[in-house]
């Protein structure tokens, strides 16, 4: 590979992409993006999105685990495919999540106050925190891997950052499913 812009500026690109991603999420959650800015889907589709996102999260848990196991077994091709699939699943999750937030706003917790205070909020805060921390780590690992030939990747921090990113991502996805269960199944 040539010594292109992305290769020379992995850290800077990670920072810019992370800031833009987090700004988009915050803008959607805080209601700064008007619902009129996006087309309105049928209510049945909007109602199905939380379940779809829980399924995408479960699938991402599987693909991250497959990718992790593949690289431990030395199967770089399978690792790459699984991690790209994980990234695609996350992108779909995020697009559907943000779309629903923009169109309908956030969902209120309908369960008991004690469950809200001692279960739901702590799980939600940890889930969101891990998701926010994962974003730059995932970008960094992806940019390192995509801007270098395979032979150079072991000399980078891709493996170290990737392990941390995958661990945090797994827990965040799992906690996201717990949030889904608390909001849409149990209460």
N, C-alpha and C. Protein backbone atom coordinates (compact mmCIF):
# COMPACT_ATOMS: atom_id res chain seq x y z
N UNK A 1 0.83 -1.19 0.00
CA UNK A 1 0.00 0.00 0.00
C UNK A 1 0.88 1.24 0.00
N UNK A 2 0.36 2.26 -0.58
CA UNK A 2 1.12 3.50 -0.61
C UNK A 2 1.00 4.21 0.73
N UNK A 3 1.81 5.20 0.90
CA UNK A 3 1.81 5.97 2.13
C UNK A 3 0.77 7.09 2.00
N UNK A 4 -0.50 6.70 1.88
CA UNK A 4 -1.58 7.64 1.64
C UNK A 4 -1.98 8.42 2.87
N UNK A 5 -2.88 9.35 2.64
CA UNK A 5 -3.34 10.24 3.69
C UNK A 5 -3.89 9.47 4.88
N UNK A 6 -4.79 8.52 4.63
CA UNK A 6 -5.41 7.77 5.73
C UNK A 6 -4.38 7.00 6.53
N UNK A 7 -3.42 6.42 5.86
CA UNK A 7 -2.36 5.66 6.55
C UNK A 7 -1.53 6.56 7.46
N UNK A 8 -1.25 7.77 6.99
CA UNK A 8 -0.43 8.70 7.77
C UNK A 8 -1.22 9.37 8.90
N UNK A 9 -2.53 9.35 8.83
CA UNK A 9 -3.34 10.11 9.78
C UNK A 9 -4.42 9.26 10.46
N UNK A 10 -4.08 8.05 10.82
CA UNK A 10 -5.05 7.16 11.46
C UNK A 10 -5.60 7.79 12.74
N UNK A 11 -4.74 8.34 13.56
CA UNK A 11 -5.19 8.96 14.82
C UNK A 11 -6.12 10.13 14.58
N UNK A 12 -5.74 11.00 13.66
CA UNK A 12 -6.57 12.18 13.37
C UNK A 12 -7.91 11.78 12.76
N UNK A 13 -7.90 10.83 11.83
CA UNK A 13 -9.14 10.36 11.24
C UNK A 13 -10.04 9.70 12.28
N UNK A 14 -9.41 8.96 13.19
CA UNK A 14 -10.17 8.34 14.28
C UNK A 14 -10.87 9.41 15.10
N UNK A 15 -10.15 10.47 15.43
CA UNK A 15 -10.72 11.56 16.24
C UNK A 15 -11.87 12.24 15.51
N UNK A 16 -11.68 12.55 14.24
CA UNK A 16 -12.72 13.25 13.47
C UNK A 16 -13.96 12.36 13.31
N UNK A 17 -13.75 11.10 12.92
CA UNK A 17 -14.88 10.19 12.75
C UNK A 17 -15.62 9.96 14.07
N UNK A 18 -14.87 9.82 15.15
CA UNK A 18 -15.47 9.60 16.47
C UNK A 18 -16.28 10.82 16.90
N UNK A 19 -15.71 12.00 16.74
CA UNK A 19 -16.42 13.22 17.12
C UNK A 19 -17.69 13.39 16.29
N UNK A 20 -17.59 13.14 14.99
CA UNK A 20 -18.77 13.27 14.13
C UNK A 20 -19.84 12.25 14.51
N UNK A 21 -19.43 11.03 14.77
CA UNK A 21 -20.39 9.98 15.15
C UNK A 21 -21.08 10.31 16.46
N UNK A 22 -20.29 10.69 17.46
CA UNK A 22 -20.87 11.03 18.76
C UNK A 22 -21.76 12.27 18.67
N UNK A 23 -21.36 13.24 17.87
CA UNK A 23 -22.19 14.44 17.69
C UNK A 23 -23.53 14.09 17.06
N UNK A 24 -23.52 13.19 16.09
CA UNK A 24 -24.76 12.76 15.45
C UNK A 24 -25.68 12.07 16.45
N UNK A 25 -25.12 11.18 17.26
CA UNK A 25 -25.91 10.47 18.26
C UNK A 25 -26.49 11.47 19.27
N UNK A 26 -25.66 12.36 19.76
CA UNK A 26 -26.13 13.34 20.75
C UNK A 26 -27.20 14.25 20.15
N UNK A 27 -26.99 14.68 18.91
CA UNK A 27 -27.98 15.53 18.25
C UNK A 27 -29.32 14.81 18.12
N UNK A 28 -29.28 13.54 17.77
CA UNK A 28 -30.53 12.78 17.63
C UNK A 28 -31.21 12.60 18.98
N UNK A 29 -30.45 12.19 19.98
CA UNK A 29 -31.02 11.92 21.30
C UNK A 29 -31.55 13.20 21.94
N UNK A 30 -30.87 14.30 21.75
CA UNK A 30 -31.30 15.57 22.36
C UNK A 30 -32.40 16.27 21.56
N UNK A 31 -32.79 15.69 20.44
CA UNK A 31 -33.88 16.26 19.65
C UNK A 31 -33.49 17.40 18.75
N UNK A 32 -32.20 17.54 18.45
CA UNK A 32 -31.75 18.62 17.58
C UNK A 32 -31.99 18.34 16.10
N UNK A 33 -32.28 17.10 15.77
CA UNK A 33 -32.59 16.75 14.38
C UNK A 33 -34.11 16.65 14.28
N UNK A 34 -34.74 17.51 13.51
CA UNK A 34 -36.21 17.47 13.44
C UNK A 34 -36.72 16.23 12.72
N UNK A 35 -37.84 15.71 13.17
CA UNK A 35 -38.44 14.53 12.54
C UNK A 35 -38.73 14.79 11.07
N UNK A 36 -38.99 16.04 10.73
CA UNK A 36 -39.28 16.37 9.33
C UNK A 36 -38.06 16.22 8.43
N UNK A 37 -36.88 16.04 9.02
CA UNK A 37 -35.65 15.90 8.23
C UNK A 37 -35.51 14.51 7.62
N UNK A 38 -36.32 13.56 8.08
CA UNK A 38 -36.24 12.18 7.57
C UNK A 38 -37.63 11.74 7.13
N UNK A 39 -37.69 10.82 6.16
CA UNK A 39 -39.01 10.31 5.76
C UNK A 39 -39.63 9.50 6.91
N UNK A 40 -40.93 9.53 7.00
CA UNK A 40 -41.63 8.83 8.09
C UNK A 40 -42.08 7.46 7.61
N UNK A 41 -41.61 6.42 8.28
CA UNK A 41 -41.96 5.04 7.94
C UNK A 41 -43.31 4.70 8.59
N UNK A 42 -43.93 3.62 8.12
CA UNK A 42 -45.18 3.17 8.76
C UNK A 42 -44.96 2.85 10.24
N UNK A 43 -45.98 3.04 11.05
CA UNK A 43 -45.88 2.81 12.49
C UNK A 43 -45.47 1.38 12.81
N UNK A 44 -45.94 0.43 12.03
CA UNK A 44 -45.58 -0.98 12.28
C UNK A 44 -44.07 -1.18 12.17
N UNK A 45 -43.44 -0.50 11.21
CA UNK A 45 -41.98 -0.59 11.08
C UNK A 45 -41.29 0.07 12.27
N UNK A 46 -41.77 1.23 12.68
CA UNK A 46 -41.19 1.92 13.83
C UNK A 46 -41.32 1.07 15.09
N UNK A 47 -42.47 0.41 15.25
CA UNK A 47 -42.69 -0.45 16.42
C UNK A 47 -41.78 -1.68 16.39
N UNK A 48 -41.41 -2.12 15.19
CA UNK A 48 -40.56 -3.31 15.04
C UNK A 48 -39.07 -3.00 15.24
N UNK A 49 -38.68 -1.75 15.10
CA UNK A 49 -37.26 -1.39 15.16
C UNK A 49 -36.55 -1.81 16.45
N UNK A 50 -37.12 -1.65 17.63
CA UNK A 50 -36.40 -2.12 18.83
C UNK A 50 -36.10 -3.62 18.80
N UNK A 51 -37.05 -4.40 18.32
CA UNK A 51 -36.82 -5.85 18.22
C UNK A 51 -35.76 -6.14 17.17
N UNK A 52 -35.83 -5.45 16.05
CA UNK A 52 -34.80 -5.62 15.01
C UNK A 52 -33.43 -5.26 15.55
N UNK A 53 -33.35 -4.16 16.30
CA UNK A 53 -32.06 -3.76 16.86
C UNK A 53 -31.54 -4.75 17.89
N UNK A 54 -32.42 -5.36 18.67
CA UNK A 54 -31.98 -6.40 19.60
C UNK A 54 -31.43 -7.60 18.83
N UNK A 55 -32.08 -7.94 17.72
CA UNK A 55 -31.59 -9.04 16.88
C UNK A 55 -30.24 -8.69 16.24
N UNK A 56 -30.10 -7.45 15.78
CA UNK A 56 -28.81 -7.02 15.21
C UNK A 56 -27.72 -7.06 16.27
N UNK A 57 -28.05 -6.68 17.50
CA UNK A 57 -27.08 -6.74 18.60
C UNK A 57 -26.66 -8.17 18.87
N UNK A 58 -27.63 -9.07 18.90
CA UNK A 58 -27.31 -10.49 19.13
C UNK A 58 -26.44 -11.04 18.01
N UNK A 59 -26.77 -10.66 16.78
CA UNK A 59 -25.94 -11.11 15.65
C UNK A 59 -24.53 -10.54 15.74
N UNK A 60 -24.41 -9.29 16.18
CA UNK A 60 -23.08 -8.68 16.33
C UNK A 60 -22.27 -9.39 17.42
N UNK A 61 -22.92 -9.80 18.49
CA UNK A 61 -22.23 -10.57 19.51
C UNK A 61 -21.64 -11.83 18.90
N UNK A 62 -22.42 -12.49 18.05
CA UNK A 62 -21.94 -13.71 17.39
C UNK A 62 -20.77 -13.41 16.47
N UNK A 63 -20.90 -12.37 15.63
CA UNK A 63 -19.83 -12.09 14.66
C UNK A 63 -18.55 -11.61 15.34
N UNK A 64 -18.68 -10.84 16.41
CA UNK A 64 -17.48 -10.42 17.14
C UNK A 64 -16.79 -11.64 17.74
N UNK A 65 -17.57 -12.54 18.33
CA UNK A 65 -17.01 -13.76 18.92
C UNK A 65 -16.35 -14.63 17.85
N UNK A 66 -16.99 -14.76 16.71
CA UNK A 66 -16.41 -15.54 15.61
C UNK A 66 -15.10 -14.89 15.15
N UNK A 67 -15.09 -13.57 15.03
CA UNK A 67 -13.88 -12.87 14.60
C UNK A 67 -12.75 -13.02 15.60
N UNK A 68 -13.07 -12.94 16.86
CA UNK A 68 -12.08 -13.08 17.92
C UNK A 68 -11.49 -14.49 17.89
N UNK A 69 -12.36 -15.47 17.78
CA UNK A 69 -11.90 -16.87 17.74
C UNK A 69 -11.07 -17.13 16.48
N UNK A 70 -11.51 -16.57 15.37
CA UNK A 70 -10.79 -16.79 14.11
C UNK A 70 -9.36 -16.27 14.18
N UNK A 71 -9.17 -15.09 14.74
CA UNK A 71 -7.81 -14.55 14.80
C UNK A 71 -6.96 -15.33 15.78
N UNK A 72 -7.58 -15.83 16.85
CA UNK A 72 -6.83 -16.69 17.79
C UNK A 72 -6.38 -17.98 17.12
N UNK A 73 -7.18 -18.43 16.14
CA UNK A 73 -6.84 -19.64 15.39
C UNK A 73 -5.96 -19.34 14.18
N UNK A 74 -5.63 -18.07 13.98
CA UNK A 74 -4.77 -17.68 12.86
C UNK A 74 -5.49 -17.54 11.53
N UNK A 75 -6.80 -17.54 11.54
CA UNK A 75 -7.58 -17.43 10.31
C UNK A 75 -7.92 -15.95 10.05
N UNK A 76 -6.97 -15.26 9.43
CA UNK A 76 -7.09 -13.82 9.21
C UNK A 76 -8.27 -13.49 8.29
N UNK A 77 -8.47 -14.28 7.27
CA UNK A 77 -9.55 -14.01 6.33
C UNK A 77 -10.92 -14.08 7.02
N UNK A 78 -11.11 -15.10 7.84
CA UNK A 78 -12.38 -15.24 8.57
C UNK A 78 -12.52 -14.11 9.60
N UNK A 79 -11.43 -13.77 10.26
CA UNK A 79 -11.44 -12.67 11.23
C UNK A 79 -11.88 -11.38 10.55
N UNK A 80 -11.26 -11.09 9.42
CA UNK A 80 -11.59 -9.86 8.70
C UNK A 80 -13.07 -9.84 8.31
N UNK A 81 -13.55 -10.93 7.79
CA UNK A 81 -14.95 -11.00 7.38
C UNK A 81 -15.90 -10.82 8.56
N UNK A 82 -15.58 -11.47 9.66
CA UNK A 82 -16.44 -11.38 10.84
C UNK A 82 -16.44 -9.97 11.43
N UNK A 83 -15.28 -9.34 11.46
CA UNK A 83 -15.22 -7.99 12.04
C UNK A 83 -15.87 -6.96 11.11
N UNK A 84 -15.75 -7.16 9.81
CA UNK A 84 -16.47 -6.28 8.88
C UNK A 84 -17.98 -6.48 9.02
N UNK A 85 -18.40 -7.73 9.21
CA UNK A 85 -19.82 -8.00 9.44
C UNK A 85 -20.28 -7.34 10.74
N UNK A 86 -19.45 -7.40 11.77
CA UNK A 86 -19.78 -6.75 13.04
C UNK A 86 -19.96 -5.25 12.85
N UNK A 87 -19.08 -4.66 12.08
CA UNK A 87 -19.15 -3.22 11.81
C UNK A 87 -20.42 -2.88 11.04
N UNK A 88 -20.75 -3.70 10.05
CA UNK A 88 -21.98 -3.48 9.28
C UNK A 88 -23.21 -3.62 10.18
N UNK A 89 -23.22 -4.64 11.03
CA UNK A 89 -24.34 -4.83 11.95
C UNK A 89 -24.48 -3.62 12.88
N UNK A 90 -23.36 -3.13 13.38
CA UNK A 90 -23.40 -1.95 14.25
C UNK A 90 -23.91 -0.73 13.48
N UNK A 91 -23.45 -0.55 12.25
CA UNK A 91 -23.90 0.60 11.45
C UNK A 91 -25.41 0.52 11.21
N UNK A 92 -25.92 -0.67 10.91
CA UNK A 92 -27.36 -0.84 10.73
C UNK A 92 -28.11 -0.55 12.03
N UNK A 93 -27.60 -1.12 13.13
CA UNK A 93 -28.19 -0.86 14.43
C UNK A 93 -28.27 0.65 14.68
N UNK A 94 -27.16 1.32 14.50
CA UNK A 94 -27.10 2.75 14.80
C UNK A 94 -28.04 3.55 13.89
N UNK A 95 -28.08 3.20 12.61
CA UNK A 95 -28.97 3.91 11.68
C UNK A 95 -30.43 3.73 12.10
N UNK A 96 -30.82 2.51 12.41
CA UNK A 96 -32.21 2.27 12.83
C UNK A 96 -32.52 2.93 14.17
N UNK A 97 -31.57 2.85 15.10
CA UNK A 97 -31.75 3.47 16.42
C UNK A 97 -31.93 4.97 16.27
N UNK A 98 -31.03 5.61 15.53
CA UNK A 98 -31.10 7.06 15.37
C UNK A 98 -32.36 7.47 14.62
N UNK A 99 -32.73 6.69 13.61
CA UNK A 99 -33.94 7.00 12.86
C UNK A 99 -35.15 7.00 13.80
N UNK A 100 -35.27 5.97 14.61
CA UNK A 100 -36.41 5.86 15.52
C UNK A 100 -36.39 7.00 16.56
N UNK A 101 -35.20 7.31 17.05
CA UNK A 101 -35.09 8.40 18.03
C UNK A 101 -35.52 9.73 17.41
N UNK A 102 -35.08 9.99 16.19
CA UNK A 102 -35.44 11.25 15.53
C UNK A 102 -36.95 11.31 15.29
N UNK A 103 -37.53 10.20 14.84
CA UNK A 103 -38.95 10.20 14.50
C UNK A 103 -39.85 10.17 15.74
N UNK A 104 -39.49 9.36 16.75
CA UNK A 104 -40.39 9.17 17.89
C UNK A 104 -39.85 9.66 19.23
N UNK A 105 -38.58 9.96 19.31
CA UNK A 105 -37.98 10.34 20.59
C UNK A 105 -37.60 9.11 21.39
N UNK A 106 -37.12 9.34 22.59
CA UNK A 106 -36.68 8.24 23.44
C UNK A 106 -37.88 7.54 24.06
N UNK A 107 -37.67 6.32 24.49
CA UNK A 107 -38.73 5.53 25.12
C UNK A 107 -38.62 5.65 26.63
N UNK A 108 -39.71 5.94 27.27
CA UNK A 108 -39.74 6.04 28.73
C UNK A 108 -39.82 4.64 29.35
N UNK A 109 -39.18 4.49 30.48
CA UNK A 109 -39.23 3.22 31.21
C UNK A 109 -40.56 3.14 31.95
N UNK A 110 -41.30 2.05 31.77
CA UNK A 110 -42.64 1.92 32.34
C UNK A 110 -42.69 1.02 33.58
N UNK A 111 -41.54 0.53 34.01
CA UNK A 111 -41.52 -0.37 35.15
C UNK A 111 -41.51 0.35 36.48
N UNK A 112 -41.39 -0.42 37.56
CA UNK A 112 -41.37 0.17 38.90
C UNK A 112 -40.17 1.10 39.11
N UNK A 113 -40.35 2.08 39.97
CA UNK A 113 -39.31 3.07 40.25
C UNK A 113 -38.03 2.42 40.75
N UNK A 114 -38.15 1.40 41.61
CA UNK A 114 -36.95 0.73 42.15
C UNK A 114 -36.16 0.04 41.05
N UNK A 115 -36.84 -0.58 40.12
CA UNK A 115 -36.17 -1.24 38.99
C UNK A 115 -35.53 -0.17 38.10
N UNK A 116 -36.24 0.92 37.90
CA UNK A 116 -35.70 2.03 37.11
C UNK A 116 -34.40 2.56 37.72
N UNK A 117 -34.43 2.80 39.01
CA UNK A 117 -33.29 3.41 39.70
C UNK A 117 -32.11 2.47 39.86
N UNK A 118 -32.38 1.23 40.23
CA UNK A 118 -31.30 0.32 40.62
C UNK A 118 -30.92 -0.70 39.55
N UNK A 119 -31.72 -0.82 38.51
CA UNK A 119 -31.39 -1.78 37.44
C UNK A 119 -31.28 -1.06 36.10
N UNK A 120 -32.41 -0.48 35.65
CA UNK A 120 -32.46 0.10 34.31
C UNK A 120 -31.41 1.20 34.11
N UNK A 121 -31.41 2.22 34.96
CA UNK A 121 -30.47 3.33 34.77
C UNK A 121 -29.01 2.88 34.82
N UNK A 122 -28.59 2.07 35.80
CA UNK A 122 -27.19 1.62 35.78
C UNK A 122 -26.82 0.83 34.52
N UNK A 123 -27.72 -0.05 34.10
CA UNK A 123 -27.45 -0.82 32.88
C UNK A 123 -27.37 0.11 31.67
N UNK A 124 -28.30 1.05 31.57
CA UNK A 124 -28.31 1.99 30.46
C UNK A 124 -27.05 2.85 30.44
N UNK A 125 -26.64 3.36 31.59
CA UNK A 125 -25.46 4.22 31.66
C UNK A 125 -24.20 3.45 31.26
N UNK A 126 -24.05 2.25 31.77
CA UNK A 126 -22.87 1.45 31.40
C UNK A 126 -22.91 1.10 29.92
N UNK A 127 -24.07 0.70 29.43
CA UNK A 127 -24.23 0.38 27.99
C UNK A 127 -23.82 1.58 27.13
N UNK A 128 -24.36 2.75 27.45
CA UNK A 128 -24.06 3.95 26.66
C UNK A 128 -22.58 4.34 26.79
N UNK A 129 -22.05 4.26 28.00
CA UNK A 129 -20.65 4.60 28.20
C UNK A 129 -19.72 3.70 27.41
N UNK A 130 -19.98 2.40 27.45
CA UNK A 130 -19.15 1.46 26.70
C UNK A 130 -19.29 1.68 25.19
N UNK A 131 -20.50 1.97 24.76
CA UNK A 131 -20.71 2.24 23.33
C UNK A 131 -19.91 3.46 22.89
N UNK A 132 -19.93 4.51 23.71
CA UNK A 132 -19.18 5.73 23.35
C UNK A 132 -17.68 5.50 23.36
N UNK A 133 -17.19 4.74 24.32
CA UNK A 133 -15.76 4.44 24.38
C UNK A 133 -15.35 3.52 23.24
N UNK A 134 -16.24 2.63 22.84
CA UNK A 134 -15.93 1.67 21.77
C UNK A 134 -15.75 2.34 20.42
N UNK A 135 -16.50 3.40 20.19
CA UNK A 135 -16.49 4.02 18.86
C UNK A 135 -15.08 4.39 18.40
N UNK A 136 -14.31 5.17 19.15
CA UNK A 136 -12.96 5.50 18.65
C UNK A 136 -12.04 4.28 18.57
N UNK A 137 -12.21 3.34 19.48
CA UNK A 137 -11.36 2.14 19.44
C UNK A 137 -11.64 1.32 18.19
N UNK A 138 -12.90 1.18 17.85
CA UNK A 138 -13.28 0.42 16.65
C UNK A 138 -12.78 1.15 15.40
N UNK A 139 -13.00 2.47 15.34
CA UNK A 139 -12.49 3.23 14.19
C UNK A 139 -10.97 3.05 14.05
N UNK A 140 -10.27 3.16 15.16
CA UNK A 140 -8.81 3.06 15.13
C UNK A 140 -8.37 1.69 14.62
N UNK A 141 -8.95 0.62 15.18
CA UNK A 141 -8.59 -0.73 14.75
C UNK A 141 -8.91 -0.94 13.27
N UNK A 142 -10.08 -0.47 12.84
CA UNK A 142 -10.46 -0.62 11.43
C UNK A 142 -9.53 0.17 10.51
N UNK A 143 -9.21 1.39 10.90
CA UNK A 143 -8.32 2.21 10.07
C UNK A 143 -6.91 1.62 10.00
N UNK A 144 -6.41 1.12 11.11
CA UNK A 144 -5.09 0.48 11.08
C UNK A 144 -5.10 -0.71 10.12
N UNK A 145 -6.12 -1.54 10.24
CA UNK A 145 -6.18 -2.75 9.41
C UNK A 145 -6.41 -2.44 7.93
N UNK A 146 -7.17 -1.39 7.66
CA UNK A 146 -7.51 -1.11 6.26
C UNK A 146 -6.47 -0.26 5.54
N UNK A 147 -5.51 0.29 6.25
CA UNK A 147 -4.52 1.16 5.60
C UNK A 147 -3.14 0.52 5.50
N UNK A 148 -3.05 -0.75 5.87
CA UNK A 148 -1.76 -1.43 5.85
C UNK A 148 -1.89 -2.80 5.22
N UNK A 149 -0.81 -3.26 4.58
CA UNK A 149 -0.83 -4.64 4.11
C UNK A 149 -0.82 -5.59 5.32
N UNK A 150 -1.32 -6.77 5.13
CA UNK A 150 -1.43 -7.75 6.20
C UNK A 150 -0.11 -7.96 6.93
N UNK A 151 0.97 -7.95 6.21
CA UNK A 151 2.28 -8.21 6.82
C UNK A 151 2.69 -7.12 7.83
N UNK A 152 2.15 -5.92 7.69
CA UNK A 152 2.51 -4.81 8.59
C UNK A 152 1.60 -4.69 9.81
N UNK A 153 0.45 -5.31 9.78
CA UNK A 153 -0.52 -5.13 10.87
C UNK A 153 0.02 -5.60 12.22
N UNK A 154 0.74 -6.73 12.29
CA UNK A 154 1.25 -7.14 13.61
C UNK A 154 2.19 -6.12 14.27
N UNK A 155 2.81 -5.26 13.49
CA UNK A 155 3.71 -4.25 14.04
C UNK A 155 2.96 -3.03 14.57
N UNK A 156 1.65 -3.00 14.39
CA UNK A 156 0.84 -1.88 14.87
C UNK A 156 0.15 -2.26 16.18
N UNK A 157 -0.61 -1.35 16.71
CA UNK A 157 -1.37 -1.64 17.94
C UNK A 157 -2.76 -2.19 17.61
N UNK A 158 -2.96 -2.65 16.38
CA UNK A 158 -4.26 -3.18 15.97
C UNK A 158 -4.75 -4.29 16.90
N UNK A 159 -3.91 -5.26 17.20
CA UNK A 159 -4.34 -6.39 18.03
C UNK A 159 -4.71 -5.94 19.44
N UNK A 160 -3.89 -5.10 20.02
CA UNK A 160 -4.14 -4.64 21.39
C UNK A 160 -5.42 -3.80 21.45
N UNK A 161 -5.53 -2.84 20.56
CA UNK A 161 -6.71 -1.98 20.53
C UNK A 161 -7.94 -2.81 20.15
N UNK A 162 -7.76 -3.72 19.22
CA UNK A 162 -8.88 -4.57 18.79
C UNK A 162 -9.42 -5.43 19.91
N UNK A 163 -8.55 -5.99 20.73
CA UNK A 163 -9.01 -6.79 21.88
C UNK A 163 -9.85 -5.96 22.84
N UNK A 164 -9.39 -4.76 23.14
CA UNK A 164 -10.13 -3.88 24.04
C UNK A 164 -11.46 -3.48 23.40
N UNK A 165 -11.40 -3.08 22.13
CA UNK A 165 -12.61 -2.65 21.42
C UNK A 165 -13.63 -3.79 21.38
N UNK A 166 -13.18 -4.99 21.03
CA UNK A 166 -14.09 -6.14 20.94
C UNK A 166 -14.70 -6.46 22.30
N UNK A 167 -13.91 -6.40 23.35
CA UNK A 167 -14.42 -6.68 24.69
C UNK A 167 -15.51 -5.69 25.09
N UNK A 168 -15.21 -4.42 24.90
CA UNK A 168 -16.18 -3.38 25.26
C UNK A 168 -17.43 -3.46 24.39
N UNK A 169 -17.22 -3.73 23.12
CA UNK A 169 -18.32 -3.85 22.17
C UNK A 169 -19.24 -4.99 22.57
N UNK A 170 -18.65 -6.14 22.93
CA UNK A 170 -19.46 -7.30 23.34
C UNK A 170 -20.33 -6.96 24.55
N UNK A 171 -19.74 -6.36 25.55
CA UNK A 171 -20.50 -6.03 26.75
C UNK A 171 -21.57 -4.98 26.43
N UNK A 172 -21.22 -4.00 25.62
CA UNK A 172 -22.19 -2.97 25.25
C UNK A 172 -23.38 -3.58 24.50
N UNK A 173 -23.12 -4.44 23.54
CA UNK A 173 -24.21 -5.09 22.81
C UNK A 173 -25.07 -5.93 23.75
N UNK A 174 -24.43 -6.67 24.65
CA UNK A 174 -25.19 -7.51 25.60
C UNK A 174 -26.06 -6.64 26.50
N UNK A 175 -25.50 -5.55 27.01
CA UNK A 175 -26.29 -4.66 27.86
C UNK A 175 -27.40 -3.96 27.07
N UNK A 176 -27.16 -3.70 25.80
CA UNK A 176 -28.21 -3.14 24.95
C UNK A 176 -29.40 -4.08 24.84
N UNK A 177 -29.13 -5.38 24.79
CA UNK A 177 -30.21 -6.36 24.77
C UNK A 177 -30.96 -6.35 26.10
N UNK A 178 -30.23 -6.18 27.20
CA UNK A 178 -30.87 -6.09 28.52
C UNK A 178 -31.77 -4.84 28.56
N UNK A 179 -31.30 -3.73 28.04
CA UNK A 179 -32.12 -2.51 27.98
C UNK A 179 -33.39 -2.78 27.18
N UNK A 180 -33.23 -3.43 26.03
CA UNK A 180 -34.39 -3.78 25.20
C UNK A 180 -35.39 -4.62 26.00
N UNK A 181 -34.89 -5.65 26.68
CA UNK A 181 -35.77 -6.52 27.46
C UNK A 181 -36.51 -5.73 28.55
N UNK A 182 -35.80 -4.83 29.20
CA UNK A 182 -36.42 -4.03 30.26
C UNK A 182 -37.47 -3.06 29.71
N UNK A 183 -37.19 -2.48 28.55
CA UNK A 183 -38.11 -1.48 27.99
C UNK A 183 -39.30 -2.09 27.25
N UNK A 184 -39.08 -3.17 26.52
CA UNK A 184 -40.10 -3.64 25.58
C UNK A 184 -40.67 -5.02 25.90
N UNK A 185 -40.01 -5.79 26.76
CA UNK A 185 -40.50 -7.14 27.03
C UNK A 185 -41.00 -7.26 28.47
N UNK A 186 -40.17 -6.90 29.42
CA UNK A 186 -40.55 -7.07 30.82
C UNK A 186 -41.52 -6.00 31.30
N UNK A 187 -41.35 -4.76 30.82
CA UNK A 187 -42.23 -3.67 31.28
C UNK A 187 -42.80 -2.97 30.09
